[in-house]
Protein backbone atom coordinates (compact mmCIF):
# COMPACT_ATOMS: atom_id res chain seq x y z
CA UNK A 1 -91.80 -51.36 -23.98
CA UNK A 2 -92.99 -47.83 -24.64
CA UNK A 3 -92.14 -45.65 -27.64
CA UNK A 4 -89.25 -43.96 -25.81
CA UNK A 5 -87.69 -47.29 -24.84
CA UNK A 6 -88.14 -48.62 -28.36
CA UNK A 7 -86.39 -45.58 -29.84
CA UNK A 8 -83.54 -45.88 -27.38
CA UNK A 9 -83.18 -49.56 -28.13
CA UNK A 10 -83.05 -48.93 -31.88
CA UNK A 11 -80.49 -46.21 -31.48
CA UNK A 12 -78.35 -48.40 -29.24
CA UNK A 13 -78.56 -51.30 -31.65
CA UNK A 14 -77.39 -49.05 -34.48
CA UNK A 15 -74.42 -47.85 -32.48
CA UNK A 16 -73.38 -51.34 -31.51
CA UNK A 17 -73.71 -52.59 -35.08
CA UNK A 18 -71.66 -49.77 -36.41
CA UNK A 19 -68.92 -50.24 -33.82
CA UNK A 20 -68.87 -53.99 -34.32
CA UNK A 21 -68.75 -53.72 -38.08
CA UNK A 22 -65.84 -51.29 -37.95
CA UNK A 23 -63.89 -53.36 -35.47
CA UNK A 24 -64.63 -56.59 -37.30
CA UNK A 25 -63.11 -55.24 -40.48
CA UNK A 26 -59.81 -54.42 -38.89
CA UNK A 27 -59.74 -54.46 -35.05
CA UNK A 28 -55.98 -53.92 -34.94
CA UNK A 29 -53.81 -51.97 -37.38
CA UNK A 30 -51.42 -54.91 -37.69
CA UNK A 31 -54.12 -57.51 -38.64
CA UNK A 32 -55.18 -57.70 -42.27
CA UNK A 33 -58.39 -59.60 -43.14
CA UNK A 34 -58.94 -61.39 -46.38
CA UNK A 35 -61.99 -60.66 -48.49
CA UNK A 36 -63.70 -63.89 -47.42
CA UNK A 37 -63.07 -63.18 -43.73
CA UNK A 38 -64.44 -59.68 -44.07
CA UNK A 39 -67.56 -61.00 -45.85
CA UNK A 40 -68.09 -63.58 -43.09
CA UNK A 41 -67.70 -60.93 -40.42
CA UNK A 42 -70.37 -58.78 -42.02
CA UNK A 43 -72.82 -61.75 -41.97
CA UNK A 44 -72.65 -62.11 -38.15
CA UNK A 45 -76.04 -61.49 -36.61
CA UNK A 46 -76.37 -59.78 -33.25
CA UNK A 47 -79.15 -61.09 -31.00
CA UNK A 48 -81.95 -58.76 -29.99
CA UNK A 49 -81.10 -56.45 -27.13
CA UNK A 50 -83.60 -55.88 -24.28
CA UNK A 51 -83.12 -52.51 -22.56
CA UNK A 52 -85.07 -53.43 -19.39
CA UNK A 53 -83.00 -56.59 -18.85
CA UNK A 54 -79.77 -54.61 -19.34
CA UNK A 55 -80.83 -51.98 -16.80
CA UNK A 56 -81.83 -54.66 -14.26
CA UNK A 57 -78.47 -56.40 -14.64
CA UNK A 58 -76.57 -53.13 -14.26
CA UNK A 59 -78.51 -52.35 -11.05
CA UNK A 60 -77.69 -55.75 -9.61
CA UNK A 61 -74.01 -55.35 -10.48
CA UNK A 62 -73.91 -51.95 -8.79
CA UNK A 63 -75.43 -53.41 -5.58
CA UNK A 64 -72.85 -56.14 -5.48
CA UNK A 65 -70.00 -53.64 -5.84
CA UNK A 66 -71.41 -51.49 -3.03
CA UNK A 67 -71.70 -54.47 -0.69
CA UNK A 68 -68.08 -55.39 -1.32
CA UNK A 69 -67.03 -51.85 -0.29
CA UNK A 70 -69.12 -52.07 2.92
CA UNK A 71 -71.81 -49.59 1.87
CA UNK A 72 -75.56 -49.80 2.52
CA UNK A 73 -77.61 -49.01 -0.48
CA UNK A 74 -81.35 -48.47 -0.26
CA UNK A 75 -82.18 -46.41 -3.25
CA UNK A 76 -85.91 -46.73 -2.83
CA UNK A 77 -85.85 -45.46 0.79
CA UNK A 78 -83.41 -42.58 0.30
CA UNK A 79 -84.99 -39.13 0.43
CA UNK A 80 -83.30 -36.65 -1.95
CA UNK A 81 -82.64 -33.04 -1.02
CA UNK A 82 -84.65 -30.32 -2.64
CA UNK A 83 -83.03 -27.90 -5.10
CA UNK A 84 -83.17 -25.10 -2.51
CA UNK A 85 -81.27 -27.15 0.08
CA UNK A 86 -78.64 -28.08 -2.48
CA UNK A 87 -78.05 -24.42 -3.30
CA UNK A 88 -77.68 -23.54 0.41
CA UNK A 89 -75.14 -26.32 0.92
CA UNK A 90 -73.21 -25.33 -2.20
CA UNK A 91 -72.84 -21.76 -0.87
CA UNK A 92 -71.68 -22.84 2.62
CA UNK A 93 -67.90 -23.28 3.07
CA UNK A 94 -66.47 -26.77 3.27
CA UNK A 95 -64.32 -27.35 6.37
CA UNK A 96 -60.77 -28.42 5.58
CA UNK A 97 -59.72 -32.00 6.14
CA UNK A 98 -56.61 -32.31 8.25
CA UNK A 99 -54.99 -34.97 10.39
CA UNK A 100 -54.63 -38.68 9.95
CA UNK A 101 -57.96 -39.44 11.73
CA UNK A 102 -59.97 -37.72 9.04
CA UNK A 103 -58.31 -39.54 6.21
CA UNK A 104 -60.28 -42.34 4.55
CA UNK A 105 -58.43 -45.50 3.57
CA UNK A 106 -59.43 -48.05 1.03
CA UNK A 107 -60.08 -51.63 2.17
CA UNK A 108 -57.58 -54.27 1.26
CA UNK A 109 -60.07 -56.77 -0.15
CA UNK A 110 -60.77 -55.08 -3.50
CA UNK A 111 -59.83 -57.95 -5.70
CA UNK A 112 -63.24 -58.22 -7.36
CA UNK A 113 -62.96 -54.65 -8.63
CA UNK A 114 -61.46 -54.00 -12.01
CA UNK A 115 -58.38 -51.85 -12.30
CA UNK A 116 -60.30 -49.01 -13.89
CA UNK A 117 -62.91 -48.98 -11.07
CA UNK A 118 -60.17 -49.19 -8.46
CA UNK A 119 -58.51 -46.09 -9.92
CA UNK A 120 -61.85 -44.25 -9.88
CA UNK A 121 -62.59 -45.27 -6.26
CA UNK A 122 -59.12 -44.29 -5.11
CA UNK A 123 -59.42 -40.86 -6.66
CA UNK A 124 -62.83 -40.14 -5.15
CA UNK A 125 -62.27 -41.60 -1.64
CA UNK A 126 -58.75 -40.41 -0.87
CA UNK A 127 -58.84 -36.74 0.08
CA UNK A 128 -55.10 -36.02 -0.08
CA UNK A 129 -54.57 -37.41 -3.57
CA UNK A 130 -53.92 -34.57 -6.06
CA UNK A 131 -55.32 -34.78 -9.55
CA UNK A 132 -52.52 -35.07 -12.04
CA UNK A 133 -53.01 -33.01 -15.23
CA UNK A 134 -53.07 -34.96 -18.41
CA UNK A 135 -49.89 -34.52 -20.42
CA UNK A 136 -50.42 -33.23 -23.90
CA UNK A 137 -49.36 -35.29 -26.83
CA UNK A 138 -45.74 -34.63 -27.74
CA UNK A 139 -45.57 -32.56 -30.94
CA UNK A 140 -43.46 -33.92 -33.73
CA UNK A 141 -40.49 -31.57 -34.35
CA UNK A 142 -40.34 -30.17 -37.89
CA UNK A 143 -37.76 -31.53 -40.22
CA UNK A 144 -34.79 -29.58 -41.49
CA UNK A 145 -36.45 -29.18 -44.88
CA UNK A 146 -39.58 -27.71 -43.27
CA UNK A 147 -37.53 -25.28 -41.17
CA UNK A 148 -35.57 -24.12 -44.20
CA UNK A 149 -38.79 -23.76 -46.16
CA UNK A 150 -40.35 -21.59 -43.45
CA UNK A 151 -37.24 -19.41 -43.28
CA UNK A 152 -37.18 -19.07 -47.07
CA UNK A 153 -40.83 -18.03 -47.16
CA UNK A 154 -40.27 -15.51 -44.36
CA UNK A 155 -37.24 -13.99 -46.10
CA UNK A 156 -39.12 -13.83 -49.38
CA UNK A 157 -42.03 -12.08 -47.68
CA UNK A 158 -39.71 -9.50 -46.13
CA UNK A 159 -37.90 -8.98 -49.44
CA UNK A 160 -41.20 -8.43 -51.26
CA UNK A 161 -42.24 -5.92 -48.61
CA UNK A 162 -38.96 -4.02 -48.97
CA UNK A 163 -39.20 -4.09 -52.75
CA UNK A 164 -42.73 -2.70 -52.69
CA UNK A 165 -41.65 -0.02 -50.21
CA UNK A 166 -38.74 1.03 -52.42
CA UNK A 167 -40.95 1.12 -55.49
CA UNK A 168 -43.52 3.23 -53.69
CA UNK A 169 -40.88 5.64 -52.40
CA UNK A 170 -39.32 5.90 -55.86
CA UNK A 171 -42.70 6.65 -57.40
CA UNK A 172 -43.41 9.28 -54.75
CA UNK A 173 -39.98 10.82 -55.32
CA UNK A 174 -40.55 11.02 -59.07
CA UNK A 175 -43.94 12.64 -58.58
CA UNK A 176 -42.42 15.09 -56.10
CA UNK A 177 -39.62 15.99 -58.47
CA UNK A 178 -42.02 16.41 -61.37
CA UNK A 179 -44.09 18.90 -59.37
CA UNK A 180 -41.02 20.49 -57.67
CA UNK A 181 -42.51 19.58 -54.32
CA UNK A 182 -40.77 19.08 -50.99
CA UNK A 183 -41.28 16.67 -48.14
CA UNK A 184 -43.28 18.12 -45.24
CA UNK A 185 -40.26 17.55 -42.99
CA UNK A 186 -38.06 19.66 -45.29
CA UNK A 187 -40.59 22.51 -45.17
CA UNK A 188 -40.68 22.25 -41.38
CA UNK A 189 -36.88 22.49 -41.24
CA UNK A 190 -36.99 25.54 -43.52
CA UNK A 191 -39.41 27.29 -41.16
CA UNK A 192 -37.05 26.66 -38.24
CA UNK A 193 -34.25 28.77 -39.75
CA UNK A 194 -32.98 31.84 -37.92
CA UNK A 195 -33.73 35.15 -39.69
CA UNK A 196 -31.05 37.85 -39.85
CA UNK A 197 -32.76 41.05 -40.98
CA UNK A 198 -30.96 43.77 -42.92
CA UNK A 199 -33.15 46.85 -42.41
CA UNK A 200 -30.86 49.12 -44.41
CA UNK A 201 -30.73 46.96 -47.55
CA UNK A 202 -33.25 46.60 -50.40
CA UNK A 203 -32.72 43.93 -53.05
CA UNK A 204 -34.27 46.27 -55.62
CA UNK A 205 -31.07 48.33 -55.49
CA UNK A 206 -28.87 45.48 -56.74
CA UNK A 207 -27.23 46.28 -60.09
CA UNK A 208 -28.55 44.40 -63.13
CA UNK A 209 -27.93 44.61 -66.85
CA UNK A 210 -30.37 46.45 -69.08
CA UNK A 211 -32.08 43.20 -70.09
CA UNK A 212 -32.10 41.93 -66.47
CA UNK A 213 -30.90 38.51 -67.65
CA UNK A 214 -27.55 38.96 -65.92
CA UNK A 215 -26.27 40.98 -62.99
CA UNK A 216 -23.48 43.50 -62.80
CA UNK A 217 -21.76 42.62 -59.59
CA UNK A 218 -18.54 44.21 -60.80
CA UNK A 219 -20.08 47.67 -60.87
CA UNK A 220 -19.57 48.17 -57.13
CA UNK A 221 -16.60 50.44 -56.49
CA UNK A 222 -14.78 50.08 -53.21
CA UNK A 223 -13.17 52.98 -51.47
CA UNK A 224 -9.40 53.14 -51.26
CA UNK A 225 -9.47 52.30 -47.56
CA UNK A 226 -11.51 49.14 -48.14
CA UNK A 227 -9.30 48.04 -51.00
CA UNK A 228 -6.23 48.28 -48.76
CA UNK A 229 -7.74 46.03 -46.08
CA UNK A 230 -9.86 43.76 -48.31
CA UNK A 231 -7.47 40.84 -47.80
CA UNK A 232 -6.99 41.20 -44.04
CA UNK A 233 -9.71 39.91 -41.74
CA UNK A 234 -8.73 41.92 -38.67
CA UNK A 235 -8.46 45.23 -40.49
CA UNK A 236 -11.54 44.67 -42.62
CA UNK A 237 -13.77 43.73 -39.70
CA UNK A 238 -12.56 46.86 -37.86
CA UNK A 239 -14.12 49.12 -40.48
CA UNK A 240 -17.26 50.88 -39.31
CA UNK A 241 -19.31 50.02 -42.38
CA UNK A 242 -18.44 46.30 -42.32
CA UNK A 243 -19.94 43.71 -39.94
CA UNK A 244 -18.40 40.37 -38.99
CA UNK A 245 -20.88 37.52 -38.64
CA UNK A 246 -19.39 34.55 -36.79
CA UNK A 247 -21.48 31.81 -38.28
CA UNK A 248 -20.98 28.31 -36.84
CA UNK A 249 -21.56 26.63 -40.22
CA UNK A 250 -24.24 24.32 -38.78
CA UNK A 251 -27.35 26.41 -38.10
CA UNK A 252 -29.43 27.55 -41.05
CA UNK A 253 -29.66 31.37 -41.21
CA UNK A 254 -31.65 33.40 -43.78
CA UNK A 255 -30.72 36.98 -44.71
CA UNK A 256 -33.88 39.08 -45.10
CA UNK A 257 -33.93 42.57 -46.65
CA UNK A 258 -36.13 45.50 -45.65
CA UNK A 259 -39.00 44.22 -47.85
CA UNK A 260 -39.09 40.77 -46.23
CA UNK A 261 -37.32 39.09 -49.17
CA UNK A 262 -34.99 36.15 -48.54
CA UNK A 263 -31.91 37.23 -50.49
CA UNK A 264 -29.36 34.74 -49.15
CA UNK A 265 -29.31 31.52 -47.15
CA UNK A 266 -26.52 30.27 -44.92
CA UNK A 267 -27.62 26.68 -45.31
CA UNK A 268 -25.12 24.96 -43.06
CA UNK A 269 -25.48 21.18 -43.14
CA UNK A 270 -28.47 18.84 -43.64
CA UNK A 271 -30.57 18.81 -40.45
CA UNK A 272 -30.98 15.03 -40.65
CA UNK A 273 -27.23 14.42 -40.20
CA UNK A 274 -25.07 14.93 -37.17
CA UNK A 275 -21.89 16.96 -37.34
CA UNK A 276 -19.49 14.02 -37.40
CA UNK A 277 -21.37 12.29 -40.23
CA UNK A 278 -21.45 15.35 -42.48
CA UNK A 279 -17.83 16.17 -41.67
CA UNK A 280 -16.85 12.68 -42.79
CA UNK A 281 -18.84 13.14 -45.98
CA UNK A 282 -17.07 16.43 -46.76
CA UNK A 283 -13.66 14.96 -45.93
CA UNK A 284 -14.21 12.15 -48.43
CA UNK A 285 -15.36 14.70 -51.01
CA UNK A 286 -12.23 16.78 -50.38
CA UNK A 287 -10.12 13.68 -50.99
CA UNK A 288 -12.01 13.07 -54.23
CA UNK A 289 -11.37 16.67 -55.34
CA UNK A 290 -7.67 16.27 -54.54
CA UNK A 291 -7.53 13.00 -56.50
CA UNK A 292 -9.20 14.69 -59.48
CA UNK A 293 -6.64 17.50 -59.30
CA UNK A 294 -3.74 15.03 -59.25
CA UNK A 295 -5.06 13.19 -62.33
CA UNK A 296 -5.75 16.34 -64.35
CA UNK A 297 -3.75 18.88 -66.28
CA UNK A 298 -4.85 22.52 -66.56
CA UNK A 299 -4.56 25.28 -69.09
CA UNK A 300 -3.23 28.76 -68.41
CA UNK A 301 -6.77 30.20 -68.37
CA UNK A 302 -7.79 27.68 -65.71
CA UNK A 303 -4.84 28.64 -63.50
CA UNK A 304 -4.80 32.42 -63.92
CA UNK A 305 -8.11 34.25 -64.28
CA UNK A 306 -10.04 37.26 -63.02
CA UNK A 307 -11.57 35.39 -60.04
CA UNK A 308 -8.26 34.87 -58.28
CA UNK A 309 -5.02 32.96 -58.16
CA UNK A 310 -6.37 29.44 -57.86
CA UNK A 311 -7.07 26.55 -60.21
CA UNK A 312 -10.70 26.31 -61.34
CA UNK A 313 -12.40 24.01 -63.83
CA UNK A 314 -16.02 24.20 -65.01
CA UNK A 315 -18.31 21.47 -66.33
CA UNK A 316 -21.88 21.28 -67.56
CA UNK A 317 -23.89 23.47 -69.93
CA UNK A 318 -23.30 27.15 -70.68
CA UNK A 319 -23.92 29.84 -73.29
CA UNK A 320 -22.06 33.05 -73.94
CA UNK A 321 -18.49 34.14 -74.49
CA UNK A 322 -18.79 34.04 -78.29
CA UNK A 323 -20.62 30.71 -78.53
CA UNK A 324 -23.20 30.48 -81.30
CA UNK A 325 -25.55 28.30 -79.25
CA UNK A 326 -25.70 26.62 -75.83
CA UNK A 327 -23.33 23.69 -75.47
CA UNK A 328 -21.26 21.63 -73.11
CA UNK A 329 -18.31 23.25 -71.38
CA UNK A 330 -15.19 22.00 -73.10
CA UNK A 331 -12.70 19.94 -71.08
CA UNK A 332 -9.62 19.08 -73.10
CA UNK A 333 -8.13 15.60 -72.96
CA UNK A 334 -9.76 12.25 -72.29
CA UNK A 335 -7.97 11.87 -68.96
CA UNK A 336 -9.27 15.22 -67.75
CA UNK A 337 -12.80 14.34 -68.88
CA UNK A 338 -12.75 11.00 -67.07
CA UNK A 339 -11.35 12.56 -63.89
CA UNK A 340 -14.05 15.26 -63.86
CA UNK A 341 -16.81 12.75 -64.61
CA UNK A 342 -15.63 10.53 -61.75
CA UNK A 343 -15.72 13.49 -59.37
CA UNK A 344 -19.21 14.58 -60.44
CA UNK A 345 -20.50 11.03 -59.98
CA UNK A 346 -18.97 10.64 -56.54
CA UNK A 347 -21.48 9.60 -53.88
CA UNK A 348 -20.69 12.52 -51.58
CA UNK A 349 -20.82 14.98 -54.47
CA UNK A 350 -24.32 13.77 -55.38
CA UNK A 351 -25.34 14.14 -51.75
CA UNK A 352 -24.05 17.72 -51.67
CA UNK A 353 -25.88 18.53 -54.91
CA UNK A 354 -29.13 17.14 -53.54
CA UNK A 355 -28.84 19.18 -50.33
CA UNK A 356 -28.06 22.38 -52.25
CA UNK A 357 -31.05 21.95 -54.54
CA UNK A 358 -33.32 21.26 -51.57
CA UNK A 359 -32.19 24.56 -50.03
CA UNK A 360 -32.80 26.36 -53.30
CA UNK A 361 -36.29 24.90 -53.63
CA UNK A 362 -37.27 25.63 -50.02
CA UNK A 363 -36.06 29.24 -49.81
CA UNK A 364 -36.43 30.35 -53.43
CA UNK A 365 -39.07 28.06 -54.90
CA UNK A 366 -40.24 30.24 -57.80
CA UNK A 367 -36.70 30.98 -58.94
CA UNK A 368 -35.84 27.29 -58.53
CA UNK A 369 -38.75 26.30 -60.79
CA UNK A 370 -37.55 28.72 -63.48
CA UNK A 371 -34.03 27.28 -63.29
CA UNK A 372 -35.25 23.68 -63.42
CA UNK A 373 -37.71 24.22 -66.28
CA UNK A 374 -35.14 26.12 -68.33
CA UNK A 375 -32.58 23.33 -67.93
CA UNK A 376 -35.07 20.57 -68.75
CA UNK A 377 -36.29 22.34 -71.88
CA UNK A 378 -32.72 22.77 -73.09
CA UNK A 379 -32.08 19.07 -72.55
CA UNK A 380 -35.23 18.06 -74.44
CA UNK A 381 -34.36 20.25 -77.42
CA UNK A 382 -30.69 19.27 -77.59
CA UNK A 383 -29.87 15.65 -76.79
CA UNK A 384 -26.14 16.33 -76.91
CA UNK A 385 -26.17 18.49 -73.76
CA UNK A 386 -24.79 16.82 -70.63
CA UNK A 387 -25.83 18.15 -67.21
CA UNK A 388 -23.56 17.69 -64.22
CA UNK A 389 -26.27 15.73 -62.38
CA UNK A 390 -29.76 14.39 -63.00
CA UNK A 391 -30.98 15.82 -59.69
CA UNK A 392 -30.08 19.47 -60.05
CA UNK A 393 -31.62 22.68 -61.34
CA UNK A 394 -28.21 24.23 -62.04
CA UNK A 395 -26.75 23.91 -65.51
CA UNK A 396 -23.04 24.07 -64.60
CA UNK A 397 -20.58 23.39 -61.79
CA UNK A 398 -17.16 24.91 -61.15
CA UNK A 399 -14.62 23.25 -58.89
CA UNK A 400 -12.04 25.50 -57.27
CA UNK A 401 -9.01 23.38 -56.48
CA UNK A 402 -7.49 25.90 -54.05
CA UNK A 403 -5.60 26.78 -52.12
CA UNK A 404 -7.13 30.28 -51.85
CA UNK A 405 -10.80 29.45 -51.38
CA UNK A 406 -11.89 28.51 -47.86
CA UNK A 407 -10.35 27.59 -44.51
CA UNK A 408 -10.82 27.73 -40.74
CA UNK A 409 -8.96 30.94 -39.98
CA UNK A 410 -9.23 32.45 -43.42
CA UNK A 411 -11.54 32.06 -46.39
CA UNK A 412 -14.34 34.23 -44.97
CA UNK A 413 -17.08 35.11 -47.45
CA UNK A 414 -17.44 38.86 -47.99
CA UNK A 415 -20.75 40.15 -49.39
CA UNK A 416 -19.83 43.72 -50.22
CA UNK A 417 -23.32 44.94 -51.12
CA UNK A 418 -24.62 43.70 -47.76
CA UNK A 419 -21.52 44.94 -45.86
CA UNK A 420 -21.11 41.49 -44.30
CA UNK A 421 -18.05 39.39 -43.51
CA UNK A 422 -19.32 35.86 -42.92
CA UNK A 423 -17.29 33.12 -41.35
CA UNK A 424 -17.41 30.24 -43.85
CA UNK A 425 -16.35 26.97 -42.13
CA UNK A 426 -15.39 23.90 -44.17
CA UNK A 427 -18.32 21.71 -45.18
CA UNK A 428 -20.87 24.55 -45.02
CA UNK A 429 -23.19 25.65 -47.85
CA UNK A 430 -24.26 29.19 -48.75
CA UNK A 431 -26.93 30.14 -51.29
CA UNK A 432 -26.99 33.68 -52.75
CA UNK A 433 -27.39 35.42 -56.16
CA UNK A 434 -23.72 35.62 -57.09
CA UNK A 435 -24.43 37.51 -60.32
CA UNK A 436 -26.08 40.34 -58.36
CA UNK A 437 -24.06 40.57 -55.15
CA UNK A 438 -20.37 41.45 -55.36
CA UNK A 439 -18.49 38.90 -53.29
CA UNK A 440 -15.00 37.66 -52.51
CA UNK A 441 -13.12 35.36 -50.17
CA UNK A 442 -10.39 36.21 -47.72
CA UNK A 443 -7.13 34.31 -48.28
CA UNK A 444 -6.41 31.22 -46.21
CA UNK A 445 -3.64 30.94 -43.68
CA UNK A 446 -0.24 29.60 -44.54
CA UNK A 447 -0.21 25.80 -44.86
CA UNK A 448 -3.99 25.50 -45.24
CA UNK A 449 -5.70 24.11 -48.31
CA UNK A 450 -9.44 24.18 -48.88
CA UNK A 451 -11.60 23.53 -51.91
CA UNK A 452 -14.96 24.94 -52.99
CA UNK A 453 -17.71 23.80 -55.36
CA UNK A 454 -19.96 26.36 -57.07
CA UNK A 455 -23.22 25.53 -58.84
CA UNK A 456 -24.84 28.07 -61.14
CA UNK A 457 -26.70 28.68 -64.42
CA UNK A 458 -25.58 31.11 -67.09
CA UNK A 459 -27.91 34.01 -67.85
CA UNK A 460 -27.48 33.33 -71.55
CA UNK A 461 -29.49 30.10 -71.23
CA UNK A 462 -32.53 32.07 -70.06
CA UNK A 463 -32.07 34.65 -72.84
CA UNK A 464 -31.84 31.89 -75.48
CA UNK A 465 -35.09 30.41 -74.22
CA UNK A 466 -36.86 33.81 -74.16
CA UNK A 467 -35.87 34.51 -77.77
CA UNK A 468 -37.61 31.36 -78.94
CA UNK A 469 -34.45 29.21 -78.84
CA UNK A 470 -32.23 31.51 -80.82
CA UNK A 471 -29.72 34.30 -80.25
CA UNK A 472 -30.55 37.99 -79.87
CA UNK A 473 -29.19 38.66 -83.35
CA UNK A 474 -31.35 35.99 -84.96
CA UNK A 475 -34.47 37.16 -83.10
CA UNK A 476 -34.04 40.85 -83.92
CA UNK A 477 -33.44 40.13 -87.60
CA UNK A 478 -36.82 38.35 -87.96
CA UNK A 479 -38.93 40.09 -85.28
CA UNK A 480 -42.13 41.96 -86.19
CA UNK A 481 -42.88 45.46 -84.85
CA UNK A 482 -45.31 43.96 -82.36
CA UNK A 483 -42.68 41.53 -81.10
CA UNK A 484 -40.18 44.37 -80.70
CA UNK A 485 -42.66 46.41 -78.63
CA UNK A 486 -43.37 43.40 -76.43
CA UNK A 487 -39.64 42.77 -76.05
CA UNK A 488 -39.07 46.33 -74.87
CA UNK A 489 -41.94 46.07 -72.40
CA UNK A 490 -40.54 42.83 -71.01
CA UNK A 491 -37.07 44.33 -70.72
CA UNK A 492 -38.25 47.25 -68.60
CA UNK A 493 -40.37 45.08 -66.31
CA UNK A 494 -38.25 41.94 -66.08
CA UNK A 495 -36.33 43.02 -63.02
CA UNK A 496 -39.53 43.92 -61.17
CA UNK A 497 -40.98 40.53 -62.01
CA UNK A 498 -37.80 38.82 -60.86
CA UNK A 499 -37.98 40.67 -57.55
CA UNK A 500 -41.38 39.10 -56.95
CA UNK A 501 -39.84 35.64 -57.29
CA UNK A 502 -37.88 36.11 -54.07
CA UNK A 503 -39.60 34.17 -51.32
CA UNK A 504 -41.13 36.25 -48.54
CA UNK A 505 -39.98 35.19 -45.08
CA UNK A 506 -43.45 35.77 -43.62
CA UNK A 507 -44.99 33.51 -46.27
CA UNK A 508 -42.53 30.75 -45.43
CA UNK A 509 -43.33 31.01 -41.73
CA UNK A 510 -47.01 30.48 -42.54
CA UNK A 511 -46.18 27.39 -44.61
CA UNK A 512 -46.66 29.09 -48.01
CA UNK A 513 -43.13 28.35 -49.21
CA UNK A 514 -44.33 28.16 -52.84
CA UNK A 515 -45.84 31.66 -52.81
CA UNK A 516 -49.28 30.45 -53.90
CA UNK A 517 -51.15 32.89 -51.70
CA UNK A 518 -49.42 35.84 -53.35
CA UNK A 519 -50.09 34.44 -56.81
CA UNK A 520 -53.79 33.79 -56.06
CA UNK A 521 -54.12 37.37 -54.81
CA UNK A 522 -52.97 38.72 -58.19
CA UNK A 523 -49.65 40.06 -56.96
CA UNK A 524 -47.76 38.63 -59.93
CA UNK A 525 -47.13 40.07 -63.35
CA UNK A 526 -47.98 43.71 -63.97
CA UNK A 527 -49.71 44.17 -60.63
CA UNK A 528 -49.56 46.86 -57.99
CA UNK A 529 -46.56 45.18 -56.44
CA UNK A 530 -44.63 45.47 -59.69
CA UNK A 531 -45.61 49.10 -60.10
CA UNK A 532 -43.95 49.97 -56.80
CA UNK A 533 -40.58 49.89 -58.56
CA UNK A 534 -39.89 52.07 -61.56
CA UNK A 535 -37.78 50.67 -64.39
CA UNK A 536 -34.12 51.53 -63.97
CA UNK A 537 -32.51 52.66 -67.18
CA UNK A 538 -29.08 52.59 -65.60
CA UNK A 539 -27.87 50.54 -62.62
CA UNK A 540 -27.35 52.49 -59.46
CA UNK A 541 -23.72 52.87 -58.47
CA UNK A 542 -22.66 52.31 -54.86
CA UNK A 543 -19.71 53.99 -53.21
CA UNK A 544 -18.46 53.08 -49.77
């Protein structure tokens, strides 16, 4: 036996020994061998195996099987096809087998064949027998505990993903609020507003006080003819100098003066909400205002005042009117305080406040930053101050409980300085400098009741901050000559500087809603832009 045969024989002997040893230890799972039986099984010796004898016996067995099947086998005399001929035959098509005459049947005398060989012969000799695919092993269905465990892990994974998403959004929102930034979508919506230009109006002509901390909207004197028709929509809109603007209350419209300044914004409703959704929100807020009114009692000053014959109550932070320092607006009675606090914390009220501040930031960013920083600095210096909301730049809120505020047929907003009569539908929002522009509302129709909510900041809060957190009297009593000269310079230039804080419509269209391009160009402070307007010692009076 050559080296190759010897190696094959050794390998075969190893395989047989290994298989025999394994099966001798435990041939069936149900049979258990004792230690003595296992030791005896391991001592069994396997006789030597001759590979040539095994091959000769296998050849003889194969010849006998072929003779039983009626085949002639002459292996030594058979000439094999070459590789080239095999390739040609493999490429040629095989004719189909059809008809009973072409079918090959097995002989009936196959008793010497084993069942396994019979199955193999039947599969290879019968042409119309289809091969049956082997069925996969049936998978064991998971138990109820495993199913519940998988569902629990899936729910936990989704909950963790939502929690991380909320945390990330909250962090982004805090960073955005800290930098007074807006979402890109909000800036895009701001650029899509419709401009309404007022070529005959310049915001520089608006009346302001000598210190320019407050406006003087009461200085406008109306003619006798306008005063007679100021409460009648039909007669007022018929005047030549007045213009009726039929605003739908949905579309955002910006009022632009002759110098491209955005001086007012007809904000409408949030662009992300449909009309029915926002209407429902405002209806619920109106019900909350009515409930607050029913729970509250009002003083004579809150019922009768210079703004009109309607009930109004303020809340938040203010300064002025004889106060020694900024403080919270007083609301008498615990019941009244609780009713007002419940209204200010109402979900729809918070939504309205957020929308209003977003409008303010988008269309008047630099003024919005001044409002927000002033309020935050007051809160840090005085822990007793209570703002109306944590997400607002306005220091105070006034609720007008009606009925003479706003309605469908009445309640139009009149901006006298701009000579505009604006239809003011329920649920709409308008942003304008109320301290500078003289304004009023037309009375509502009989049987109609509408409410309004006004957000603002008192000019005294800005003056208190400018003085170094003290009153004018305290500052002047301790000021040095240099400080007095600087104060006079600031007084004469403050209005010009405030004019520069109005957002330019062209800048907003180009995406520069923060006015950074103008600031980088040096058009802030005492620049050429500020020198275009001379200090006004006395507000200009308007007569129509």
